[in-house]
C-alpha atoms as a PDB file:
ATOM      1  CA  MET A   1     -21.353   8.788  17.151  1.00  0.00           C
ATOM      2  CA  ASN A   2     -21.006   6.260  14.005  1.00  0.00           C
ATOM      3  CA  SER A   3     -18.473   4.028  14.629  1.00  0.00           C
ATOM      4  CA  LYS A   4     -16.255   5.185  11.687  1.00  0.00           C
ATOM      5  CA  LYS A   5     -16.233   8.944  13.241  1.00  0.00           C
ATOM      6  CA  GLN A   6     -15.748   7.599  16.848  1.00  0.00           C
ATOM      7  CA  HIS A   7     -12.654   5.352  15.609  1.00  0.00           C
ATOM      8  CA  TRP A   8     -10.946   8.687  14.341  1.00  0.00           C
ATOM      9  CA  GLU A   9     -11.953  11.240  16.905  1.00  0.00           C
ATOM     10  CA  THR A  10     -10.164   8.998  19.246  1.00  0.00           C
ATOM     11  CA  VAL A  11      -7.148   8.620  17.318  1.00  0.00           C
ATOM     12  CA  TYR A  12      -6.663  12.706  16.757  1.00  0.00           C
ATOM     13  CA  GLU A  13      -7.599  12.846  20.626  1.00  0.00           C
ATOM     14  CA  THR A  14      -5.299  10.572  21.653  1.00  0.00           C
ATOM     15  CA  LYS A  15      -1.761  10.441  19.097  1.00  0.00           C
ATOM     16  CA  THR A  16       0.137  13.451  18.058  1.00  0.00           C
ATOM     17  CA  PRO A  17       1.334  13.711  14.529  1.00  0.00           C
ATOM     18  CA  GLN A  18       3.959  11.868  15.166  1.00  0.00           C
ATOM     19  CA  GLU A  19       2.901   8.583  16.397  1.00  0.00           C
ATOM     20  CA  VAL A  20       0.477   8.082  13.167  1.00  0.00           C
ATOM     21  CA  SER A  21       1.896   6.421  10.369  1.00  0.00           C
ATOM     22  CA  TRP A  22       0.531   9.050   7.616  1.00  0.00           C
ATOM     23  CA  THR A  23       1.933  12.236   8.895  1.00  0.00           C
ATOM     24  CA  GLN A  24       4.419  13.892   6.564  1.00  0.00           C
ATOM     25  CA  SER A  25       7.021  16.884   7.646  1.00  0.00           C
ATOM     26  CA  LYS A  26       6.755  18.433   3.730  1.00  0.00           C
ATOM     27  CA  PRO A  27       3.886  16.507   1.362  1.00  0.00           C
ATOM     28  CA  GLN A  28       5.989  16.667  -1.493  1.00  0.00           C
ATOM     29  CA  THR A  29       5.007  13.950  -3.880  1.00  0.00           C
ATOM     30  CA  SER A  30       1.086  15.674  -3.536  1.00  0.00           C
ATOM     31  CA  LEU A  31       2.580  19.360  -4.136  1.00  0.00           C
ATOM     32  CA  ASP A  32       4.069  17.657  -7.420  1.00  0.00           C
ATOM     33  CA  PHE A  33       1.364  15.972  -8.517  1.00  0.00           C
ATOM     34  CA  ILE A  34      -0.911  19.356  -7.666  1.00  0.00           C
ATOM     35  CA  ALA A  35       1.522  21.537  -9.470  1.00  0.00           C
ATOM     36  CA  SER A  36       1.619  19.824 -12.974  1.00  0.00           C
ATOM     37  CA  CYS A  37      -2.269  20.335 -12.804  1.00  0.00           C
ATOM     38  CA  ASN A  38      -1.117  24.357 -13.585  1.00  0.00           C
ATOM     39  CA  LEU A  39      -4.044  25.514 -11.740  1.00  0.00           C
ATOM     40  CA  ASP A  40      -4.808  29.219 -11.108  1.00  0.00           C
ATOM     41  CA  LYS A  41      -4.016  30.220  -7.609  1.00  0.00           C
ATOM     42  CA  SER A  42      -8.027  30.968  -7.675  1.00  0.00           C
ATOM     43  CA  ALA A  43      -8.477  27.262  -8.293  1.00  0.00           C
ATOM     44  CA  LYS A  44     -11.030  25.679  -5.847  1.00  0.00           C
ATOM     45  CA  ILE A  45      -8.711  22.517  -4.104  1.00  0.00           C
ATOM     46  CA  ILE A  46     -10.132  20.543  -1.648  1.00  0.00           C
ATOM     47  CA  ASP A  47      -8.153  18.258   0.218  1.00  0.00           C
ATOM     48  CA  VAL A  48     -10.247  15.176   1.492  1.00  0.00           C
ATOM     49  CA  GLY A  49      -8.976  13.626   4.583  1.00  0.00           C
ATOM     50  CA  GLY A  50      -7.189  16.417   5.218  1.00  0.00           C
ATOM     51  CA  GLY A  51      -6.836  15.780   9.088  1.00  0.00           C
ATOM     52  CA  GLU A  52      -3.810  17.276  10.620  1.00  0.00           C
ATOM     53  CA  SER A  53      -1.995  17.256   7.059  1.00  0.00           C
ATOM     54  CA  LEU A  54       0.119  20.003   6.704  1.00  0.00           C
ATOM     55  CA  LEU A  55      -0.769  20.253   2.872  1.00  0.00           C
ATOM     56  CA  VAL A  56      -2.961  23.163   3.067  1.00  0.00           C
ATOM     57  CA  ASP A  57       0.022  25.137   4.704  1.00  0.00           C
ATOM     58  CA  PHE A  58       2.134  24.633   1.443  1.00  0.00           C
ATOM     59  CA  LEU A  59      -0.770  25.404  -0.505  1.00  0.00           C
ATOM     60  CA  LEU A  60      -1.088  28.847   1.118  1.00  0.00           C
ATOM     61  CA  LYS A  61       2.260  29.402   1.443  1.00  0.00           C
ATOM     62  CA  ASP A  62       2.040  28.576  -2.917  1.00  0.00           C
ATOM     63  CA  GLY A  63      -0.976  31.481  -3.147  1.00  0.00           C
ATOM     64  CA  PHE A  64      -3.956  29.595  -3.525  1.00  0.00           C
ATOM     65  CA  THR A  65      -7.042  31.496  -2.108  1.00  0.00           C
ATOM     66  CA  ASP A  66      -9.828  28.953  -2.158  1.00  0.00           C
ATOM     67  CA  ILE A  67      -9.111  25.573  -0.180  1.00  0.00           C
ATOM     68  CA  THR A  68     -11.377  23.121   1.343  1.00  0.00           C
ATOM     69  CA  VAL A  69      -9.974  20.814   3.850  1.00  0.00           C
ATOM     70  CA  LEU A  70     -12.790  18.028   4.802  1.00  0.00           C
ATOM     71  CA  ASP A  71     -12.614  15.066   7.323  1.00  0.00           C
ATOM     72  CA  ILE A  72     -14.632  12.878   9.670  1.00  0.00           C
ATOM     73  CA  SER A  73     -12.391  13.889  12.883  1.00  0.00           C
ATOM     74  CA  SER A  74     -13.953  17.303  13.970  1.00  0.00           C
ATOM     75  CA  ILE A  75     -11.159  17.225  16.817  1.00  0.00           C
ATOM     76  CA  ALA A  76      -8.422  17.068  13.789  1.00  0.00           C
ATOM     77  CA  LEU A  77      -9.920  19.670  11.845  1.00  0.00           C
ATOM     78  CA  GLU A  78      -9.819  22.015  15.260  1.00  0.00           C
ATOM     79  CA  LYS A  79      -6.091  21.239  15.606  1.00  0.00           C
ATOM     80  CA  ALA A  80      -5.415  22.280  11.480  1.00  0.00           C
ATOM     81  CA  LYS A  81      -7.850  25.185  11.797  1.00  0.00           C
ATOM     82  CA  LYS A  82      -5.529  26.322  15.464  1.00  0.00           C
ATOM     83  CA  ARG A  83      -2.469  25.872  13.789  1.00  0.00           C
ATOM     84  CA  VAL A  84      -3.093  27.612  10.108  1.00  0.00           C
ATOM     85  CA  LYS A  85      -4.566  30.610  11.933  1.00  0.00           C
ATOM     86  CA  GLU A  86      -1.476  31.400  14.500  1.00  0.00           C
ATOM     87  CA  LYS A  87       1.005  30.805  11.306  1.00  0.00           C
ATOM     88  CA  PHE A  88      -1.342  32.571   8.237  1.00  0.00           C
ATOM     89  CA  GLY A  89      -3.483  35.148  10.234  1.00  0.00           C
ATOM     90  CA  GLU A  90      -5.895  36.683   7.941  1.00  0.00           C
ATOM     91  CA  LYS A  91      -4.857  34.268   4.825  1.00  0.00           C
ATOM     92  CA  SER A  92      -6.047  31.578   7.142  1.00  0.00           C
ATOM     93  CA  ASN A  93      -9.656  32.728   6.134  1.00  0.00           C
ATOM     94  CA  TYR A  94      -8.904  31.302   2.871  1.00  0.00           C
ATOM     95  CA  VAL A  95      -9.476  28.067   3.858  1.00  0.00           C
ATOM     96  CA  THR A  96     -12.938  26.415   4.649  1.00  0.00           C
ATOM     97  CA  TRP A  97     -13.161  23.070   7.194  1.00  0.00           C
ATOM     98  CA  ILE A  98     -15.803  20.653   6.416  1.00  0.00           C
ATOM     99  CA  VAL A  99     -16.471  18.046   8.881  1.00  0.00           C
ATOM    100  CA  SER A 100     -17.796  15.133   7.436  1.00  0.00           C
ATOM    101  CA  ASP A 101     -17.296  11.303   6.525  1.00  0.00           C
ATOM    102  CA  VAL A 102     -16.555  11.764   2.363  1.00  0.00           C
ATOM    103  CA  THR A 103     -19.243   9.197   1.200  1.00  0.00           C
ATOM    104  CA  ALA A 104     -22.311  11.780   3.015  1.00  0.00           C
ATOM    105  CA  PHE A 105     -20.478  14.626   1.614  1.00  0.00           C
ATOM    106  CA  GLU A 106     -22.801  16.764  -0.001  1.00  0.00           C
ATOM    107  CA  PRO A 107     -20.728  20.030  -1.996  1.00  0.00           C
ATOM    108  CA  LYS A 108     -22.152  23.250  -2.139  1.00  0.00           C
ATOM    109  CA  THR A 109     -19.916  23.816  -5.655  1.00  0.00           C
ATOM    110  CA  ASN A 110     -17.634  22.193  -8.009  1.00  0.00           C
ATOM    111  CA  PHE A 111     -14.086  21.766  -6.996  1.00  0.00           C
ATOM    112  CA  ASP A 112     -11.081  22.401  -9.827  1.00  0.00           C
ATOM    113  CA  LEU A 113      -8.904  19.783  -8.022  1.00  0.00           C
ATOM    114  CA  TRP A 114      -9.850  17.438  -5.487  1.00  0.00           C
ATOM    115  CA  HIS A 115      -6.657  15.768  -3.730  1.00  0.00           C
ATOM    116  CA  ASP A 116      -7.148  12.603  -1.674  1.00  0.00           C
ATOM    117  CA  ARG A 117      -4.312  10.543   0.326  1.00  0.00           C
ATOM    118  CA  ALA A 118      -6.177   9.138   3.089  1.00  0.00           C
ATOM    119  CA  THR A 119      -9.882   8.470   2.556  1.00  0.00           C
ATOM    120  CA  PHE A 120     -10.134   6.377  -0.706  1.00  0.00           C
ATOM    121  CA  HIS A 121      -8.206   3.272   0.651  1.00  0.00           C
ATOM    122  CA  PHE A 122     -10.355   3.294   3.752  1.00  0.00           C
ATOM    123  CA  LEU A 123     -13.503   2.492   1.346  1.00  0.00           C
ATOM    124  CA  THR A 124     -13.982  -1.678   1.560  1.00  0.00           C
ATOM    125  CA  ALA A 125     -17.406  -1.732   0.913  1.00  0.00           C
ATOM    126  CA  PRO A 126     -19.084  -1.200  -2.782  1.00  0.00           C
ATOM    127  CA  ASN A 127     -21.305   0.664  -1.769  1.00  0.00           C
ATOM    128  CA  ASP A 128     -19.351   3.404  -0.080  1.00  0.00           C
ATOM    129  CA  ILE A 129     -16.546   3.063  -3.169  1.00  0.00           C
ATOM    130  CA  SER A 130     -19.833   3.902  -5.436  1.00  0.00           C
ATOM    131  CA  LYS A 131     -20.672   6.781  -3.236  1.00  0.00           C
ATOM    132  CA  TYR A 132     -17.106   8.374  -2.921  1.00  0.00           C
ATOM    133  CA  ILE A 133     -17.029   7.709  -7.192  1.00  0.00           C
ATOM    134  CA  GLN A 134     -20.769   9.635  -7.414  1.00  0.00           C
ATOM    135  CA  ILE A 135     -19.709  12.075  -5.843  1.00  0.00           C
ATOM    136  CA  VAL A 136     -16.603  12.916  -7.764  1.00  0.00           C
ATOM    137  CA  GLU A 137     -18.274  12.418 -10.687  1.00  0.00           C
ATOM    138  CA  LYS A 138     -20.591  15.096  -9.882  1.00  0.00           C
ATOM    139  CA  PHE A 139     -18.103  17.641  -8.533  1.00  0.00           C
ATOM    140  CA  VAL A 140     -15.108  17.847  -9.720  1.00  0.00           C
ATOM    141  CA  SER A 141     -14.597  19.492 -13.068  1.00  0.00           C
ATOM    142  CA  LYS A 142     -11.036  19.444 -14.064  1.00  0.00           C
ATOM    143  CA  ASN A 143      -8.368  17.533 -11.751  1.00  0.00           C
ATOM    144  CA  LEU A 144      -8.171  14.487  -9.595  1.00  0.00           C
ATOM    145  CA  VAL A 145      -5.050  13.149  -7.773  1.00  0.00           C
ATOM    146  CA  ILE A 146      -5.736  10.671  -5.614  1.00  0.00           C
ATOM    147  CA  ALA A 147      -3.156   8.403  -3.422  1.00  0.00           C
ATOM    148  CA  THR A 148      -4.301   5.139  -2.011  1.00  0.00           C
ATOM    149  CA  PHE A 149      -2.091   2.316  -0.795  1.00  0.00           C
ATOM    150  CA  SER A 150      -0.565  -0.210  -3.525  1.00  0.00           C
ATOM    151  CA  LYS A 151      -0.653  -3.647  -4.199  1.00  0.00           C
ATOM    152  CA  GLU A 152       2.487  -3.838  -2.230  1.00  0.00           C
ATOM    153  CA  GLY A 153       1.408  -1.390   0.510  1.00  0.00           C
ATOM    154  CA  ALA A 154      -0.233  -1.349   3.755  1.00  0.00           C
ATOM    155  CA  LYS A 155      -3.054  -4.046   4.641  1.00  0.00           C
ATOM    156  CA  LYS A 156      -4.387  -2.485   7.370  1.00  0.00           C
ATOM    157  CA  CYS A 157      -3.925   0.898   8.732  1.00  0.00           C
ATOM    158  CA  SER A 158      -4.817   2.632  12.002  1.00  0.00           C
ATOM    159  CA  GLY A 159      -6.420  -0.671  13.123  1.00  0.00           C
ATOM    160  CA  LEU A 160      -8.929  -0.598   9.869  1.00  0.00           C
ATOM    161  CA  GLU A 161      -8.696  -2.801   6.943  1.00  0.00           C
ATOM    162  CA  VAL A 162      -8.231  -1.065   3.723  1.00  0.00           C
ATOM    163  CA  SER A 163      -8.188  -1.729  -0.115  1.00  0.00           C
ATOM    164  CA  GLN A 164      -5.049  -1.797  -2.344  1.00  0.00           C
ATOM    165  CA  TYR A 165      -4.871  -0.557  -5.535  1.00  0.00           C
ATOM    166  CA  ASN A 166      -2.671  -0.543  -8.479  1.00  0.00           C
ATOM    167  CA  GLU A 167      -2.315   1.619 -11.373  1.00  0.00           C
ATOM    168  CA  GLU A 168      -5.210  -0.355 -13.396  1.00  0.00           C
ATOM    169  CA  SER A 169      -7.614  -0.922 -10.779  1.00  0.00           C
ATOM    170  CA  LEU A 170      -7.466   2.315  -9.838  1.00  0.00           C
ATOM    171  CA  THR A 171      -7.827   3.889 -13.089  1.00  0.00           C
ATOM    172  CA  ALA A 172     -10.929   1.753 -13.819  1.00  0.00           C
ATOM    173  CA  GLN A 173     -12.687   3.587 -11.003  1.00  0.00           C
ATOM    174  CA  PHE A 174     -13.073   6.670 -12.579  1.00  0.00           C
ATOM    175  CA  LYS A 175     -14.393   6.310 -15.992  1.00  0.00           C
ATOM    176  CA  SER A 176     -15.037   9.965 -16.493  1.00  0.00           C
ATOM    177  CA  PHE A 177     -11.503  10.911 -16.172  1.00  0.00           C
ATOM    178  CA  LYS A 178      -8.468  10.284 -18.412  1.00  0.00           C
ATOM    179  CA  LYS A 179      -5.612   9.102 -16.551  1.00  0.00           C
ATOM    180  CA  ILE A 180      -2.418  11.464 -16.835  1.00  0.00           C
ATOM    181  CA  SER A 181       0.505  10.135 -14.423  1.00  0.00           C
ATOM    182  CA  CYS A 182       0.916   7.531 -11.818  1.00  0.00           C
ATOM    183  CA  LEU A 183       3.619   6.929  -9.727  1.00  0.00           C
ATOM    184  CA  GLN A 184       4.501   4.215  -6.681  1.00  0.00           C
ATOM    185  CA  GLU A 185       6.559   5.484  -3.590  1.00  0.00           C
ATOM    186  CA  ASP A 186       7.545   4.371  -0.314  1.00  0.00           C
ATOM    187  CA  HIS A 187       6.078   6.897   2.535  1.00  0.00           C
ATOM    188  CA  THR A 188       8.938   6.603   5.187  1.00  0.00           C
ATOM    189  CA  THR A 189       6.330   6.926   8.667  1.00  0.00           C
ATOM    190  CA  PRO A 190       7.476   9.103  11.506  1.00  0.00           C
ATOM    191  CA  PHE A 191       8.657   5.783  13.415  1.00  0.00           C
ATOM    192  CA  ASP A 192      10.664   4.866  10.239  1.00  0.00           C
ATOM    193  CA  THR A 193       8.817   2.537   8.343  1.00  0.00           C
ATOM    194  CA  LYS A 194       7.659   1.748   5.200  1.00  0.00           C
ATOM    195  CA  GLN A 195       4.606   2.259   3.491  1.00  0.00           C
ATOM    196  CA  ASN A 196       3.860   1.890  -0.313  1.00  0.00           C
ATOM    197  CA  PHE A 197       1.672   4.276  -1.638  1.00  0.00           C
ATOM    198  CA  LEU A 198       0.432   4.739  -5.535  1.00  0.00           C
ATOM    199  CA  PHE A 199      -0.036   8.172  -6.544  1.00  0.00           C
ATOM    200  CA  CYS A 200      -2.174   8.983  -9.514  1.00  0.00           C
ATOM    201  CA  SER A 201      -3.191  12.596 -11.041  1.00  0.00           C
ATOM    202  CA  PHE A 202      -6.416  12.400 -13.693  1.00  0.00           C
ATOM    203  CA  GLU A 203      -7.747  14.761 -16.109  1.00  0.00           C
ATOM    204  CA  ARG A 204     -11.681  15.787 -16.567  1.00  0.00           C
ATOM    205  CA  VAL A 205     -12.623  13.844 -19.990  1.00  0.00           C
END
């Protein structure tokens, strides 16, 4: 098991959602950005770095029927899968769970919407950033919603170095997409600290 995977398996094995900074009881900003894309309920949506995020629950409640959740941690996805199955029963079959490092991800389909609030800012090596962008360029047919730590945000998260972005530097990464809108917001962690995020939505050119 590589060190990156080991790190995240340990995090999800040893910590509850209330013990990690990224937990949200309702990912409202992500949901607002997704709603603004005006997708059909049958649209193919992927949540990258989904972990134990509740985004998938809200997407199912909203009536979406083709959701993929990708994460490097099999432990995180097993916990999320169990929660969704208990909560939604048959509807949980609308979700595909994929354990993969995003830079090694080989999609078997195109996605109408790629959502990422958890992964892109953890890529710090130019080669990893480049691989991520290549996958997005090749497999995202319509919309991209991405959130990263802003220039005023955390410099480290979960003990790891992160990349910070502003509107210009994030937009510059995705050349096949047109920026629709961006906003910065403070995320309040479960332990009542603040982390500043940059959210941007893009549309395929």
